[in-house]
Amino acid sequence: MATYILNKYQAPKFKLNPSQYNILIRVTNPQEEFKALENESIYRDVLELKFYDFVEEQGGLIIFNESHLSSLLNFFKKHKNCENFVVHCDQGMSRSAGIAVGWLAYNQDRASIYKIYHNRKHIPNRLIVEHFYKKLGLTMKYINKWEREKFANIKDD
């Protein structure tokens, strides 16, 4: 199973083998519209979510919450056996990476979560990750360690 984390410019043009079991999760801000997909038919299912990329409430703006978590977990359960999991948000760095961590945690793939936290591109939204880990009954021990390592490396650059 492959996991792809994209931004809003890569996602519409992304190509996969249409004969494979591909799914897509799209995330953007509440008043934004999603860019049209050039190859929508390659996906067996698409889930669209709208919330801001904050880790705590900001003046009533919609942030990741239990409703989003429930929608995602239902989508994960429905498509547990997919071959290609694609997720995108606006920049492809935080919200989509947080959802990818949730997907990988759901599938008990700690090695792939480690890779997300140890690359230069992704900084998973902590609120999203915390929601998944709490709901799945997982400890944040490794996430906390990997975040410390990641941010220590960022300061060193």
N, C-alpha and C. Protein backbone atom coordinates (compact mmCIF):
# COMPACT_ATOMS: atom_id res chain seq x y z
N MET A 1 0.85 -1.18 0.00
CA MET A 1 0.00 0.00 0.00
C MET A 1 0.89 1.24 0.00
N ALA A 2 0.63 2.16 -0.91
CA ALA A 2 1.39 3.39 -1.01
C ALA A 2 0.58 4.56 -0.45
N THR A 3 1.28 5.50 0.16
CA THR A 3 0.66 6.71 0.70
C THR A 3 1.32 7.90 0.04
N TYR A 4 0.51 8.79 -0.52
CA TYR A 4 1.00 9.98 -1.20
C TYR A 4 0.43 11.22 -0.51
N ILE A 5 1.31 12.15 -0.16
CA ILE A 5 0.92 13.41 0.47
C ILE A 5 1.24 14.52 -0.53
N LEU A 6 0.20 15.21 -0.99
CA LEU A 6 0.34 16.19 -2.06
C LEU A 6 -0.17 17.57 -1.63
N ASN A 7 0.11 18.57 -2.48
CA ASN A 7 -0.48 19.88 -2.26
C ASN A 7 -1.61 20.10 -3.27
N LYS A 8 -2.28 21.24 -3.18
CA LYS A 8 -3.46 21.48 -4.01
C LYS A 8 -3.14 21.66 -5.49
N TYR A 9 -1.87 21.87 -5.82
CA TYR A 9 -1.47 21.99 -7.22
C TYR A 9 -1.08 20.64 -7.82
N GLN A 10 -0.48 19.79 -7.01
CA GLN A 10 -0.08 18.46 -7.48
C GLN A 10 -1.30 17.53 -7.63
N ALA A 11 -2.23 17.62 -6.68
CA ALA A 11 -3.35 16.68 -6.62
C ALA A 11 -4.19 16.61 -7.90
N PRO A 12 -4.58 17.75 -8.50
CA PRO A 12 -5.43 17.66 -9.69
C PRO A 12 -4.79 16.95 -10.87
N LYS A 13 -3.47 16.97 -10.96
CA LYS A 13 -2.75 16.37 -12.09
C LYS A 13 -2.18 14.99 -11.77
N PHE A 14 -2.34 14.54 -10.52
CA PHE A 14 -1.72 13.30 -10.08
C PHE A 14 -2.28 12.12 -10.86
N LYS A 15 -1.38 11.21 -11.24
CA LYS A 15 -1.78 10.05 -12.04
C LYS A 15 -1.44 8.76 -11.30
N LEU A 16 -2.38 7.86 -11.34
CA LEU A 16 -2.21 6.50 -10.79
C LEU A 16 -2.81 5.54 -11.79
N ASN A 17 -2.47 4.29 -11.63
CA ASN A 17 -3.05 3.25 -12.47
C ASN A 17 -4.55 3.15 -12.14
N PRO A 18 -5.41 3.43 -13.11
CA PRO A 18 -6.85 3.41 -12.83
C PRO A 18 -7.41 2.03 -12.49
N SER A 19 -6.66 0.97 -12.79
CA SER A 19 -7.14 -0.37 -12.47
C SER A 19 -6.83 -0.74 -11.02
N GLN A 20 -6.06 0.10 -10.32
CA GLN A 20 -5.77 -0.16 -8.91
C GLN A 20 -6.84 0.48 -8.02
N TYR A 21 -6.83 0.09 -6.76
CA TYR A 21 -7.78 0.57 -5.77
C TYR A 21 -7.18 1.84 -5.15
N ASN A 22 -7.59 2.99 -5.69
CA ASN A 22 -7.08 4.29 -5.28
C ASN A 22 -8.16 5.10 -4.57
N ILE A 23 -7.77 5.77 -3.49
CA ILE A 23 -8.70 6.66 -2.79
C ILE A 23 -8.02 8.01 -2.57
N LEU A 24 -8.84 9.05 -2.38
CA LEU A 24 -8.33 10.40 -2.23
C LEU A 24 -9.06 11.12 -1.11
N ILE A 25 -8.30 11.82 -0.28
CA ILE A 25 -8.86 12.72 0.73
C ILE A 25 -8.35 14.12 0.40
N ARG A 26 -9.28 15.06 0.34
CA ARG A 26 -8.96 16.45 0.00
C ARG A 26 -9.30 17.34 1.19
N VAL A 27 -8.39 18.28 1.50
CA VAL A 27 -8.61 19.20 2.62
C VAL A 27 -8.28 20.62 2.16
N THR A 28 -9.14 21.55 2.51
CA THR A 28 -8.87 22.96 2.26
C THR A 28 -9.57 23.79 3.34
N ASN A 29 -9.41 25.10 3.26
CA ASN A 29 -10.05 26.00 4.21
C ASN A 29 -11.55 26.09 3.92
N PRO A 30 -12.36 26.41 4.93
CA PRO A 30 -13.82 26.40 4.76
C PRO A 30 -14.37 27.22 3.60
N GLN A 31 -13.83 28.39 3.30
CA GLN A 31 -14.41 29.17 2.20
C GLN A 31 -13.72 28.96 0.86
N GLU A 32 -12.77 28.05 0.80
CA GLU A 32 -12.07 27.74 -0.45
C GLU A 32 -12.82 26.66 -1.24
N GLU A 33 -12.59 26.66 -2.54
CA GLU A 33 -13.12 25.61 -3.40
C GLU A 33 -11.97 24.70 -3.81
N PHE A 34 -12.26 23.43 -4.01
CA PHE A 34 -11.25 22.49 -4.47
C PHE A 34 -11.02 22.68 -5.97
N LYS A 35 -9.77 22.56 -6.37
CA LYS A 35 -9.46 22.58 -7.80
C LYS A 35 -10.00 21.30 -8.44
N ALA A 36 -10.50 21.41 -9.66
CA ALA A 36 -11.04 20.24 -10.36
C ALA A 36 -9.93 19.22 -10.61
N LEU A 37 -10.28 17.96 -10.44
CA LEU A 37 -9.33 16.88 -10.69
C LEU A 37 -9.35 16.53 -12.18
N GLU A 38 -8.17 16.41 -12.77
CA GLU A 38 -8.09 16.03 -14.18
C GLU A 38 -8.39 14.55 -14.37
N ASN A 39 -8.13 13.75 -13.32
CA ASN A 39 -8.26 12.29 -13.43
C ASN A 39 -9.14 11.71 -12.31
N GLU A 40 -10.26 12.32 -12.04
CA GLU A 40 -11.10 11.89 -10.93
C GLU A 40 -11.51 10.42 -11.04
N SER A 41 -11.62 9.92 -12.25
CA SER A 41 -12.07 8.54 -12.46
C SER A 41 -11.07 7.50 -11.94
N ILE A 42 -9.84 7.91 -11.62
CA ILE A 42 -8.86 6.94 -11.10
C ILE A 42 -9.13 6.59 -9.65
N TYR A 43 -10.01 7.36 -8.99
CA TYR A 43 -10.29 7.13 -7.57
C TYR A 43 -11.59 6.39 -7.37
N ARG A 44 -11.53 5.38 -6.53
CA ARG A 44 -12.74 4.64 -6.19
C ARG A 44 -13.64 5.48 -5.30
N ASP A 45 -13.02 6.36 -4.49
CA ASP A 45 -13.80 7.20 -3.59
C ASP A 45 -12.98 8.44 -3.24
N VAL A 46 -13.68 9.55 -3.00
CA VAL A 46 -13.05 10.81 -2.63
C VAL A 46 -13.79 11.39 -1.43
N LEU A 47 -13.03 11.80 -0.43
CA LEU A 47 -13.60 12.46 0.75
C LEU A 47 -13.06 13.88 0.78
N GLU A 48 -13.97 14.86 0.90
CA GLU A 48 -13.57 16.27 0.97
C GLU A 48 -13.90 16.83 2.35
N LEU A 49 -12.90 17.47 2.96
CA LEU A 49 -13.06 18.08 4.28
C LEU A 49 -12.59 19.53 4.24
N LYS A 50 -13.23 20.37 5.05
CA LYS A 50 -12.84 21.78 5.11
C LYS A 50 -12.66 22.20 6.57
N PHE A 51 -11.43 22.57 6.89
CA PHE A 51 -11.11 23.12 8.21
C PHE A 51 -9.77 23.84 8.12
N TYR A 52 -9.54 24.74 9.06
CA TYR A 52 -8.30 25.52 9.05
C TYR A 52 -7.15 24.72 9.67
N ASP A 53 -5.95 25.13 9.31
CA ASP A 53 -4.73 24.47 9.77
C ASP A 53 -4.22 25.10 11.06
N PHE A 54 -5.03 25.01 12.11
CA PHE A 54 -4.63 25.48 13.43
C PHE A 54 -4.62 24.29 14.38
N VAL A 55 -3.86 24.41 15.46
CA VAL A 55 -3.83 23.33 16.45
C VAL A 55 -4.65 23.66 17.69
N GLU A 56 -5.19 24.87 17.74
CA GLU A 56 -6.13 25.22 18.81
C GLU A 56 -7.13 26.23 18.26
N GLU A 57 -8.26 26.34 18.94
CA GLU A 57 -9.36 27.20 18.51
C GLU A 57 -8.86 28.63 18.30
N GLN A 58 -9.31 29.24 17.21
CA GLN A 58 -8.91 30.60 16.84
C GLN A 58 -10.15 31.43 16.52
N GLY A 59 -10.72 32.07 17.51
CA GLY A 59 -11.83 32.99 17.28
C GLY A 59 -13.02 32.40 16.54
N GLY A 60 -13.35 31.16 16.83
CA GLY A 60 -14.52 30.54 16.24
C GLY A 60 -14.30 29.93 14.86
N LEU A 61 -13.08 29.98 14.34
CA LEU A 61 -12.81 29.37 13.04
C LEU A 61 -12.87 27.84 13.16
N ILE A 62 -13.30 27.19 12.10
CA ILE A 62 -13.44 25.73 12.10
C ILE A 62 -12.06 25.08 12.04
N ILE A 63 -11.76 24.28 13.07
CA ILE A 63 -10.52 23.51 13.09
C ILE A 63 -10.89 22.03 13.14
N PHE A 64 -9.87 21.17 13.02
CA PHE A 64 -10.10 19.73 13.04
C PHE A 64 -10.84 19.36 14.32
N ASN A 65 -11.90 18.53 14.18
CA ASN A 65 -12.72 18.18 15.34
C ASN A 65 -13.20 16.73 15.24
N GLU A 66 -14.01 16.34 16.21
CA GLU A 66 -14.51 14.96 16.27
C GLU A 66 -15.31 14.56 15.04
N SER A 67 -16.02 15.48 14.45
CA SER A 67 -16.80 15.19 13.25
C SER A 67 -15.87 14.82 12.08
N HIS A 68 -14.78 15.59 11.92
CA HIS A 68 -13.80 15.26 10.88
C HIS A 68 -13.17 13.91 11.15
N LEU A 69 -12.81 13.68 12.42
CA LEU A 69 -12.19 12.41 12.81
C LEU A 69 -13.10 11.24 12.48
N SER A 70 -14.37 11.37 12.82
CA SER A 70 -15.34 10.31 12.56
C SER A 70 -15.47 10.03 11.06
N SER A 71 -15.54 11.09 10.25
CA SER A 71 -15.63 10.93 8.79
C SER A 71 -14.40 10.20 8.27
N LEU A 72 -13.23 10.58 8.76
CA LEU A 72 -11.99 9.95 8.31
C LEU A 72 -11.91 8.49 8.72
N LEU A 73 -12.25 8.20 9.97
CA LEU A 73 -12.18 6.80 10.42
C LEU A 73 -13.16 5.91 9.67
N ASN A 74 -14.34 6.43 9.37
CA ASN A 74 -15.30 5.67 8.55
C ASN A 74 -14.75 5.43 7.15
N PHE A 75 -14.10 6.44 6.58
CA PHE A 75 -13.49 6.32 5.26
C PHE A 75 -12.35 5.30 5.29
N PHE A 76 -11.52 5.36 6.35
CA PHE A 76 -10.42 4.40 6.51
C PHE A 76 -10.96 2.97 6.58
N LYS A 77 -11.99 2.78 7.40
CA LYS A 77 -12.57 1.44 7.57
C LYS A 77 -13.12 0.92 6.24
N LYS A 78 -13.80 1.79 5.52
CA LYS A 78 -14.40 1.41 4.24
C LYS A 78 -13.33 1.02 3.21
N HIS A 79 -12.16 1.67 3.29
CA HIS A 79 -11.13 1.48 2.26
C HIS A 79 -9.83 0.92 2.83
N LYS A 80 -9.93 0.13 3.88
CA LYS A 80 -8.73 -0.41 4.53
C LYS A 80 -7.82 -1.16 3.56
N ASN A 81 -8.38 -1.76 2.54
CA ASN A 81 -7.59 -2.57 1.62
C ASN A 81 -7.19 -1.85 0.33
N CYS A 82 -7.24 -0.52 0.35
CA CYS A 82 -6.87 0.21 -0.86
C CYS A 82 -5.39 -0.01 -1.18
N GLU A 83 -5.05 0.19 -2.44
CA GLU A 83 -3.65 0.05 -2.86
C GLU A 83 -2.91 1.38 -2.80
N ASN A 84 -3.61 2.48 -3.06
CA ASN A 84 -3.01 3.81 -3.05
C ASN A 84 -3.88 4.78 -2.28
N PHE A 85 -3.30 5.33 -1.22
CA PHE A 85 -3.96 6.32 -0.37
C PHE A 85 -3.35 7.67 -0.71
N VAL A 86 -4.17 8.57 -1.22
CA VAL A 86 -3.71 9.90 -1.61
C VAL A 86 -4.42 10.93 -0.74
N VAL A 87 -3.66 11.87 -0.20
CA VAL A 87 -4.24 12.93 0.61
C VAL A 87 -3.58 14.24 0.23
N HIS A 88 -4.39 15.29 0.14
CA HIS A 88 -3.80 16.60 -0.14
C HIS A 88 -4.50 17.68 0.67
N CYS A 89 -3.72 18.72 0.97
CA CYS A 89 -4.25 19.95 1.53
C CYS A 89 -3.65 21.08 0.71
N ASP A 90 -3.77 22.29 1.17
CA ASP A 90 -3.30 23.41 0.36
C ASP A 90 -1.80 23.35 0.08
N GLN A 91 -1.00 23.22 1.12
CA GLN A 91 0.46 23.21 0.95
C GLN A 91 1.05 21.80 0.93
N GLY A 92 0.29 20.81 1.36
CA GLY A 92 0.80 19.44 1.39
C GLY A 92 1.84 19.22 2.48
N MET A 93 1.72 19.97 3.57
CA MET A 93 2.72 19.88 4.63
C MET A 93 2.17 19.48 6.00
N SER A 94 1.01 20.01 6.37
CA SER A 94 0.55 19.90 7.75
C SER A 94 -0.74 19.08 7.90
N ARG A 95 -1.85 19.60 7.37
CA ARG A 95 -3.11 18.88 7.52
C ARG A 95 -3.07 17.53 6.81
N SER A 96 -2.59 17.51 5.58
CA SER A 96 -2.52 16.24 4.85
C SER A 96 -1.54 15.28 5.51
N ALA A 97 -0.42 15.81 6.01
CA ALA A 97 0.55 14.95 6.70
C ALA A 97 -0.05 14.40 8.00
N GLY A 98 -0.83 15.21 8.71
CA GLY A 98 -1.50 14.73 9.93
C GLY A 98 -2.49 13.62 9.63
N ILE A 99 -3.24 13.78 8.55
CA ILE A 99 -4.19 12.73 8.15
C ILE A 99 -3.44 11.48 7.70
N ALA A 100 -2.34 11.66 6.99
CA ALA A 100 -1.53 10.50 6.59
C ALA A 100 -1.01 9.76 7.81
N VAL A 101 -0.57 10.50 8.84
CA VAL A 101 -0.13 9.86 10.08
C VAL A 101 -1.29 9.07 10.69
N GLY A 102 -2.48 9.65 10.68
CA GLY A 102 -3.66 8.94 11.19
C GLY A 102 -3.93 7.66 10.42
N TRP A 103 -3.83 7.73 9.11
CA TRP A 103 -4.02 6.55 8.24
C TRP A 103 -2.99 5.48 8.57
N LEU A 104 -1.75 5.89 8.69
CA LEU A 104 -0.67 4.94 8.96
C LEU A 104 -0.80 4.36 10.37
N ALA A 105 -1.22 5.17 11.33
CA ALA A 105 -1.46 4.67 12.69
C ALA A 105 -2.61 3.66 12.68
N TYR A 106 -3.65 3.98 11.94
CA TYR A 106 -4.79 3.08 11.79
C TYR A 106 -4.34 1.72 11.25
N ASN A 107 -3.36 1.76 10.35
CA ASN A 107 -2.84 0.54 9.73
C ASN A 107 -1.59 0.00 10.42
N GLN A 108 -1.28 0.55 11.57
CA GLN A 108 -0.15 0.09 12.41
C GLN A 108 1.17 0.07 11.63
N ASP A 109 1.44 1.18 10.94
CA ASP A 109 2.66 1.30 10.14
C ASP A 109 3.56 2.39 10.74
N ARG A 110 4.18 2.08 11.86
CA ARG A 110 5.01 3.05 12.57
C ARG A 110 6.23 3.46 11.75
N ALA A 111 6.79 2.56 10.96
CA ALA A 111 7.97 2.88 10.14
C ALA A 111 7.67 4.01 9.16
N SER A 112 6.49 4.00 8.55
CA SER A 112 6.13 5.06 7.61
C SER A 112 5.84 6.38 8.33
N ILE A 113 5.29 6.29 9.54
CA ILE A 113 5.08 7.51 10.33
C ILE A 113 6.43 8.14 10.66
N TYR A 114 7.39 7.30 11.04
CA TYR A 114 8.75 7.76 11.32
C TYR A 114 9.30 8.54 10.12
N LYS A 115 9.10 8.01 8.90
CA LYS A 115 9.60 8.67 7.69
C LYS A 115 8.98 10.05 7.49
N ILE A 116 7.70 10.17 7.79
CA ILE A 116 7.04 11.48 7.66
C ILE A 116 7.68 12.49 8.62
N TYR A 117 7.91 12.05 9.85
CA TYR A 117 8.48 12.98 10.84
C TYR A 117 9.97 13.25 10.60
N HIS A 118 10.61 12.43 9.82
CA HIS A 118 12.05 12.61 9.59
C HIS A 118 12.38 13.05 8.16
N ASN A 119 11.44 13.71 7.51
CA ASN A 119 11.77 14.35 6.24
C ASN A 119 11.63 15.86 6.42
N ARG A 120 12.13 16.60 5.50
CA ARG A 120 12.14 18.07 5.62
C ARG A 120 10.82 18.71 5.18
N LYS A 121 10.00 17.97 4.49
CA LYS A 121 8.81 18.57 3.89
C LYS A 121 7.61 18.66 4.83
N HIS A 122 7.39 17.64 5.65
CA HIS A 122 6.14 17.55 6.41
C HIS A 122 6.30 17.91 7.88
N ILE A 123 5.30 18.66 8.37
CA ILE A 123 5.17 18.94 9.79
C ILE A 123 3.70 18.62 10.13
N PRO A 124 3.40 17.37 10.46
CA PRO A 124 2.01 16.97 10.68
C PRO A 124 1.31 17.83 11.73
N ASN A 125 0.09 18.23 11.41
CA ASN A 125 -0.74 19.01 12.33
C ASN A 125 -0.94 18.19 13.60
N ARG A 126 -0.44 18.73 14.70
CA ARG A 126 -0.45 18.00 15.97
C ARG A 126 -1.87 17.71 16.46
N LEU A 127 -2.79 18.63 16.28
CA LEU A 127 -4.16 18.42 16.72
C LEU A 127 -4.76 17.19 16.03
N ILE A 128 -4.53 17.06 14.74
CA ILE A 128 -5.05 15.91 13.99
C ILE A 128 -4.43 14.62 14.52
N VAL A 129 -3.12 14.63 14.68
CA VAL A 129 -2.42 13.43 15.17
C VAL A 129 -2.91 13.05 16.56
N GLU A 130 -3.07 14.03 17.44
CA GLU A 130 -3.56 13.75 18.81
C GLU A 130 -4.94 13.12 18.78
N HIS A 131 -5.82 13.64 17.94
CA HIS A 131 -7.18 13.07 17.83
C HIS A 131 -7.12 11.60 17.41
N PHE A 132 -6.33 11.30 16.39
CA PHE A 132 -6.22 9.92 15.93
C PHE A 132 -5.64 9.02 17.01
N TYR A 133 -4.56 9.45 17.63
CA TYR A 133 -3.89 8.60 18.61
C TYR A 133 -4.78 8.34 19.82
N LYS A 134 -5.51 9.36 20.25
CA LYS A 134 -6.43 9.17 21.38
C LYS A 134 -7.53 8.18 21.01
N LYS A 135 -8.15 8.38 19.85
CA LYS A 135 -9.26 7.51 19.42
C LYS A 135 -8.79 6.07 19.20
N LEU A 136 -7.57 5.91 18.69
CA LEU A 136 -7.04 4.57 18.42
C LEU A 136 -6.39 3.94 19.65
N GLY A 137 -6.36 4.67 20.77
CA GLY A 137 -5.78 4.13 22.00
C GLY A 137 -4.26 3.98 21.93
N LEU A 138 -3.62 4.86 21.18
CA LEU A 138 -2.17 4.79 21.01
C LEU A 138 -1.47 5.84 21.86
N THR A 139 -0.25 5.57 22.24
CA THR A 139 0.55 6.52 23.01
C THR A 139 1.25 7.50 22.06
N MET A 140 1.41 8.73 22.51
CA MET A 140 2.09 9.76 21.72
C MET A 140 3.60 9.75 21.98
N LYS A 141 4.08 8.73 22.66
CA LYS A 141 5.50 8.67 23.04
C LYS A 141 6.43 8.88 21.85
N TYR A 142 6.24 8.11 20.79
CA TYR A 142 7.12 8.23 19.63
C TYR A 142 6.90 9.54 18.88
N ILE A 143 5.66 9.97 18.79
CA ILE A 143 5.37 11.25 18.12
C ILE A 143 6.10 12.38 18.85
N ASN A 144 6.00 12.40 20.17
CA ASN A 144 6.67 13.44 20.95
C ASN A 144 8.18 13.41 20.71
N LYS A 145 8.74 12.22 20.70
CA LYS A 145 10.19 12.07 20.48
C LYS A 145 10.56 12.56 19.08
N TRP A 146 9.79 12.13 18.08
CA TRP A 146 10.11 12.50 16.70
C TRP A 146 9.93 13.99 16.45
N GLU A 147 8.91 14.60 17.10
CA GLU A 147 8.74 16.04 16.97
C GLU A 147 9.94 16.78 17.57
N ARG A 148 10.40 16.34 18.74
CA ARG A 148 11.58 16.97 19.36
C ARG A 148 12.77 16.87 18.43
N GLU A 149 12.97 15.70 17.84
CA GLU A 149 14.09 15.50 16.91
C GLU A 149 13.95 16.40 15.68
N LYS A 150 12.74 16.47 15.15
CA LYS A 150 12.48 17.27 13.94
C LYS A 150 12.75 18.74 14.20
N PHE A 151 12.22 19.25 15.30
CA PHE A 151 12.37 20.68 15.58
C PHE A 151 13.79 21.01 16.01
N ALA A 152 14.49 20.08 16.61
CA ALA A 152 15.91 20.29 16.94
C ALA A 152 16.70 20.42 15.64
N ASN A 153 16.38 19.59 14.65
CA ASN A 153 17.07 19.64 13.35
C ASN A 153 16.76 20.93 12.60
N ILE A 154 15.52 21.41 12.71
CA ILE A 154 15.14 22.65 12.02
C ILE A 154 15.94 23.82 12.60
N LYS A 155 16.10 23.85 13.91
CA LYS A 155 16.86 24.93 14.55
C LYS A 155 18.32 24.91 14.14
N ASP A 156 18.84 23.72 13.86
CA ASP A 156 20.26 23.57 13.50
C ASP A 156 20.56 24.07 12.09
N ASP A 157 19.53 24.18 11.23
CA ASP A 157 19.77 24.56 9.83
C ASP A 157 20.17 26.01 9.67
